[in-house]
N, C-alpha and C. Protein backbone atom coordinates (compact mmCIF):
# COMPACT_ATOMS: atom_id res chain seq x y z
N UNK A 1 14.62 14.69 3.34
CA UNK A 1 13.93 13.49 2.90
C UNK A 1 13.36 13.73 1.50
N UNK A 2 13.54 12.78 0.63
CA UNK A 2 12.98 12.90 -0.71
C UNK A 2 11.79 11.96 -0.84
N UNK A 3 10.80 12.41 -1.55
CA UNK A 3 9.62 11.60 -1.80
C UNK A 3 9.64 11.16 -3.25
N UNK A 4 9.29 9.91 -3.48
CA UNK A 4 9.31 9.36 -4.83
C UNK A 4 8.14 9.91 -5.64
N UNK A 5 8.44 10.39 -6.82
CA UNK A 5 7.41 10.93 -7.69
C UNK A 5 6.44 9.83 -8.08
N UNK A 6 5.18 10.15 -8.11
CA UNK A 6 4.16 9.17 -8.47
C UNK A 6 3.61 8.39 -7.30
N UNK A 7 4.19 8.56 -6.11
CA UNK A 7 3.68 7.85 -4.94
C UNK A 7 2.30 8.40 -4.59
N UNK A 8 1.37 7.49 -4.38
CA UNK A 8 0.00 7.87 -4.07
C UNK A 8 -0.28 7.60 -2.60
N UNK A 9 -0.87 8.58 -1.93
CA UNK A 9 -1.22 8.46 -0.52
C UNK A 9 -2.73 8.51 -0.36
N UNK A 10 -3.25 7.68 0.54
CA UNK A 10 -4.68 7.68 0.85
C UNK A 10 -4.91 8.70 1.96
N UNK A 11 -5.92 9.54 1.80
CA UNK A 11 -6.23 10.58 2.77
C UNK A 11 -7.20 10.01 3.80
N UNK A 12 -6.89 10.21 5.08
CA UNK A 12 -7.72 9.71 6.17
C UNK A 12 -9.13 10.30 6.10
N UNK A 13 -10.10 9.55 6.54
CA UNK A 13 -11.50 9.99 6.50
C UNK A 13 -11.77 11.16 7.43
N UNK A 14 -10.89 11.40 8.39
CA UNK A 14 -11.11 12.52 9.32
C UNK A 14 -10.71 13.86 8.71
N UNK A 15 -10.06 13.84 7.54
CA UNK A 15 -9.56 15.07 6.92
C UNK A 15 -10.12 15.38 5.53
N UNK A 16 -11.23 14.86 5.10
CA UNK A 16 -11.61 15.05 3.70
C UNK A 16 -11.81 16.50 3.29
N UNK A 17 -12.32 17.33 4.16
CA UNK A 17 -12.57 18.73 3.82
C UNK A 17 -11.30 19.51 3.55
N UNK A 18 -10.22 19.11 4.17
CA UNK A 18 -8.94 19.80 4.00
C UNK A 18 -8.43 19.64 2.57
N UNK A 19 -8.69 18.52 1.95
CA UNK A 19 -8.21 18.23 0.60
C UNK A 19 -9.35 18.13 -0.41
N UNK A 20 -10.33 19.04 -0.32
CA UNK A 20 -11.45 19.09 -1.27
C UNK A 20 -12.20 17.77 -1.40
N UNK A 21 -12.31 17.03 -0.34
CA UNK A 21 -13.01 15.74 -0.31
C UNK A 21 -12.40 14.69 -1.24
N UNK A 22 -11.11 14.83 -1.56
CA UNK A 22 -10.42 13.84 -2.38
C UNK A 22 -10.05 12.63 -1.53
N UNK A 23 -9.94 11.47 -2.17
CA UNK A 23 -9.55 10.25 -1.48
C UNK A 23 -8.05 10.03 -1.48
N UNK A 24 -7.36 10.56 -2.50
CA UNK A 24 -5.93 10.32 -2.65
C UNK A 24 -5.17 11.59 -2.98
N UNK A 25 -3.88 11.54 -2.70
CA UNK A 25 -2.94 12.61 -3.00
C UNK A 25 -1.74 11.97 -3.66
N UNK A 26 -1.30 12.46 -4.83
CA UNK A 26 -0.19 11.87 -5.56
C UNK A 26 0.93 12.89 -5.72
N UNK A 27 2.14 12.52 -5.36
CA UNK A 27 3.30 13.40 -5.48
C UNK A 27 3.68 13.54 -6.96
N UNK A 28 3.79 14.77 -7.44
CA UNK A 28 4.16 14.98 -8.84
C UNK A 28 5.53 15.66 -8.98
N UNK A 29 5.99 16.33 -7.92
CA UNK A 29 7.27 17.03 -8.01
C UNK A 29 7.76 17.43 -6.63
N UNK A 30 9.08 17.41 -6.47
CA UNK A 30 9.67 17.94 -5.25
C UNK A 30 10.79 18.88 -5.66
N UNK A 31 10.72 20.09 -5.17
CA UNK A 31 11.73 21.09 -5.46
C UNK A 31 12.21 21.67 -4.14
N UNK A 32 13.42 21.28 -3.75
CA UNK A 32 13.94 21.74 -2.47
C UNK A 32 13.11 21.19 -1.33
N UNK A 33 12.54 22.08 -0.52
CA UNK A 33 11.74 21.63 0.62
C UNK A 33 10.24 21.79 0.38
N UNK A 34 9.83 21.85 -0.89
CA UNK A 34 8.42 21.93 -1.26
C UNK A 34 8.03 20.72 -2.10
N UNK A 35 6.87 20.14 -1.78
CA UNK A 35 6.34 19.00 -2.53
C UNK A 35 5.06 19.45 -3.24
N UNK A 36 4.98 19.17 -4.54
CA UNK A 36 3.77 19.46 -5.29
C UNK A 36 2.98 18.17 -5.48
N UNK A 37 1.65 18.28 -5.46
CA UNK A 37 0.81 17.09 -5.53
C UNK A 37 -0.46 17.37 -6.32
N UNK A 38 -1.10 16.28 -6.75
CA UNK A 38 -2.43 16.36 -7.34
C UNK A 38 -3.36 15.55 -6.45
N UNK A 39 -4.62 15.93 -6.44
CA UNK A 39 -5.62 15.23 -5.66
C UNK A 39 -6.39 14.29 -6.57
N UNK A 40 -6.83 13.18 -6.02
CA UNK A 40 -7.58 12.19 -6.78
C UNK A 40 -8.91 12.73 -7.27
N UNK A 41 -9.45 12.07 -8.28
CA UNK A 41 -10.76 12.39 -8.86
C UNK A 41 -10.82 13.81 -9.41
N UNK A 42 -9.67 14.34 -9.85
CA UNK A 42 -9.65 15.67 -10.43
C UNK A 42 -10.04 16.78 -9.47
N UNK A 43 -9.83 16.57 -8.18
CA UNK A 43 -10.25 17.53 -7.16
C UNK A 43 -9.30 18.72 -7.02
N UNK A 44 -8.18 18.71 -7.73
CA UNK A 44 -7.28 19.87 -7.66
C UNK A 44 -5.83 19.47 -7.51
N UNK A 45 -5.03 20.47 -7.18
CA UNK A 45 -3.60 20.26 -6.97
C UNK A 45 -3.12 21.29 -5.97
N UNK A 46 -1.90 21.09 -5.50
CA UNK A 46 -1.37 22.02 -4.51
C UNK A 46 0.07 21.73 -4.20
N UNK A 47 0.56 22.39 -3.16
CA UNK A 47 1.94 22.22 -2.72
C UNK A 47 1.98 22.41 -1.21
N UNK A 48 2.97 21.81 -0.59
CA UNK A 48 3.17 21.96 0.85
C UNK A 48 4.63 21.73 1.18
N UNK A 49 5.09 22.24 2.31
CA UNK A 49 6.47 21.97 2.72
C UNK A 49 6.66 20.49 3.03
N UNK A 50 7.85 19.99 2.77
CA UNK A 50 8.18 18.59 3.05
C UNK A 50 7.93 18.27 4.52
N UNK A 51 8.27 19.18 5.41
CA UNK A 51 8.07 18.94 6.84
C UNK A 51 6.60 18.72 7.18
N UNK A 52 5.70 19.42 6.50
CA UNK A 52 4.27 19.24 6.77
C UNK A 52 3.79 17.89 6.25
N UNK A 53 4.30 17.48 5.09
CA UNK A 53 3.95 16.15 4.57
C UNK A 53 4.42 15.07 5.52
N UNK A 54 5.63 15.21 6.05
CA UNK A 54 6.15 14.24 7.04
C UNK A 54 5.25 14.22 8.28
N UNK A 55 4.80 15.39 8.72
CA UNK A 55 3.91 15.49 9.88
C UNK A 55 2.61 14.72 9.62
N UNK A 56 2.01 14.92 8.44
CA UNK A 56 0.76 14.23 8.10
C UNK A 56 0.97 12.71 8.05
N UNK A 57 2.13 12.28 7.56
CA UNK A 57 2.43 10.84 7.51
C UNK A 57 2.61 10.29 8.93
N UNK A 58 3.31 11.02 9.78
CA UNK A 58 3.52 10.57 11.17
C UNK A 58 2.21 10.49 11.95
N UNK A 59 1.27 11.37 11.66
CA UNK A 59 -0.03 11.37 12.34
C UNK A 59 -1.02 10.40 11.70
N UNK A 60 -0.59 9.67 10.67
CA UNK A 60 -1.43 8.72 9.94
C UNK A 60 -2.63 9.38 9.29
N UNK A 61 -2.52 10.67 8.98
CA UNK A 61 -3.58 11.34 8.24
C UNK A 61 -3.42 11.09 6.74
N UNK A 62 -2.21 10.68 6.34
CA UNK A 62 -1.92 10.20 4.99
C UNK A 62 -1.23 8.86 5.13
N UNK A 63 -1.64 7.89 4.34
CA UNK A 63 -0.99 6.58 4.34
C UNK A 63 -0.68 6.19 2.90
N UNK A 64 0.40 5.45 2.72
CA UNK A 64 0.79 5.02 1.38
C UNK A 64 -0.26 4.08 0.83
N UNK A 65 -0.70 4.35 -0.38
CA UNK A 65 -1.67 3.50 -1.05
C UNK A 65 -0.94 2.24 -1.51
N UNK A 66 -1.25 1.09 -0.91
CA UNK A 66 -0.53 -0.15 -1.21
C UNK A 66 -0.66 -0.56 -2.67
N UNK A 67 -1.79 -0.30 -3.29
CA UNK A 67 -1.98 -0.65 -4.69
C UNK A 67 -0.98 0.11 -5.56
N UNK A 68 -0.77 1.37 -5.25
CA UNK A 68 0.19 2.19 -5.99
C UNK A 68 1.60 1.62 -5.84
N UNK A 69 1.95 1.21 -4.63
CA UNK A 69 3.27 0.63 -4.39
C UNK A 69 3.44 -0.68 -5.15
N UNK A 70 2.43 -1.52 -5.12
CA UNK A 70 2.51 -2.79 -5.84
C UNK A 70 2.67 -2.57 -7.34
N UNK A 71 1.90 -1.67 -7.90
CA UNK A 71 2.01 -1.39 -9.33
C UNK A 71 3.38 -0.83 -9.67
N UNK A 72 3.93 0.01 -8.83
CA UNK A 72 5.24 0.60 -9.08
C UNK A 72 6.33 -0.46 -9.01
N UNK A 73 6.26 -1.37 -8.04
CA UNK A 73 7.26 -2.42 -7.90
C UNK A 73 7.23 -3.37 -9.09
N UNK A 74 6.05 -3.67 -9.62
CA UNK A 74 5.93 -4.58 -10.75
C UNK A 74 6.57 -3.99 -12.01
N UNK A 75 6.50 -2.70 -12.18
CA UNK A 75 7.06 -2.09 -13.38
C UNK A 75 8.58 -2.03 -13.33
N UNK A 76 9.14 -1.97 -12.13
CA UNK A 76 10.60 -1.88 -12.01
C UNK A 76 11.26 -3.25 -11.99
N UNK A 77 10.51 -4.27 -11.69
CA UNK A 77 11.08 -5.60 -11.56
C UNK A 77 11.15 -6.28 -12.92
N UNK A 78 12.32 -6.77 -13.25
CA UNK A 78 12.49 -7.46 -14.54
C UNK A 78 12.85 -8.91 -14.28
N UNK A 79 12.18 -9.77 -14.96
CA UNK A 79 12.43 -11.19 -14.82
C UNK A 79 13.27 -11.62 -16.02
N UNK A 80 14.43 -12.20 -15.73
CA UNK A 80 15.39 -12.51 -16.79
C UNK A 80 15.21 -13.87 -17.25
């Protein structure tokens, strides 16, 4: 599974300590089966296996930030 670069995920309130109390996680790079990310509010950066990111998404501990998706769709859409 590939993750789109720049996708922002909202971190569930039950897990803030795991990610330095950041509210969001943004994908910056995927190399093989490792995903690199930055945390919101300058809280840091890190990497994790793709399988672990999928696990967090399945458990709803990370959810796609809808605002990020809307902004991304607007930039790709061209009106002729």
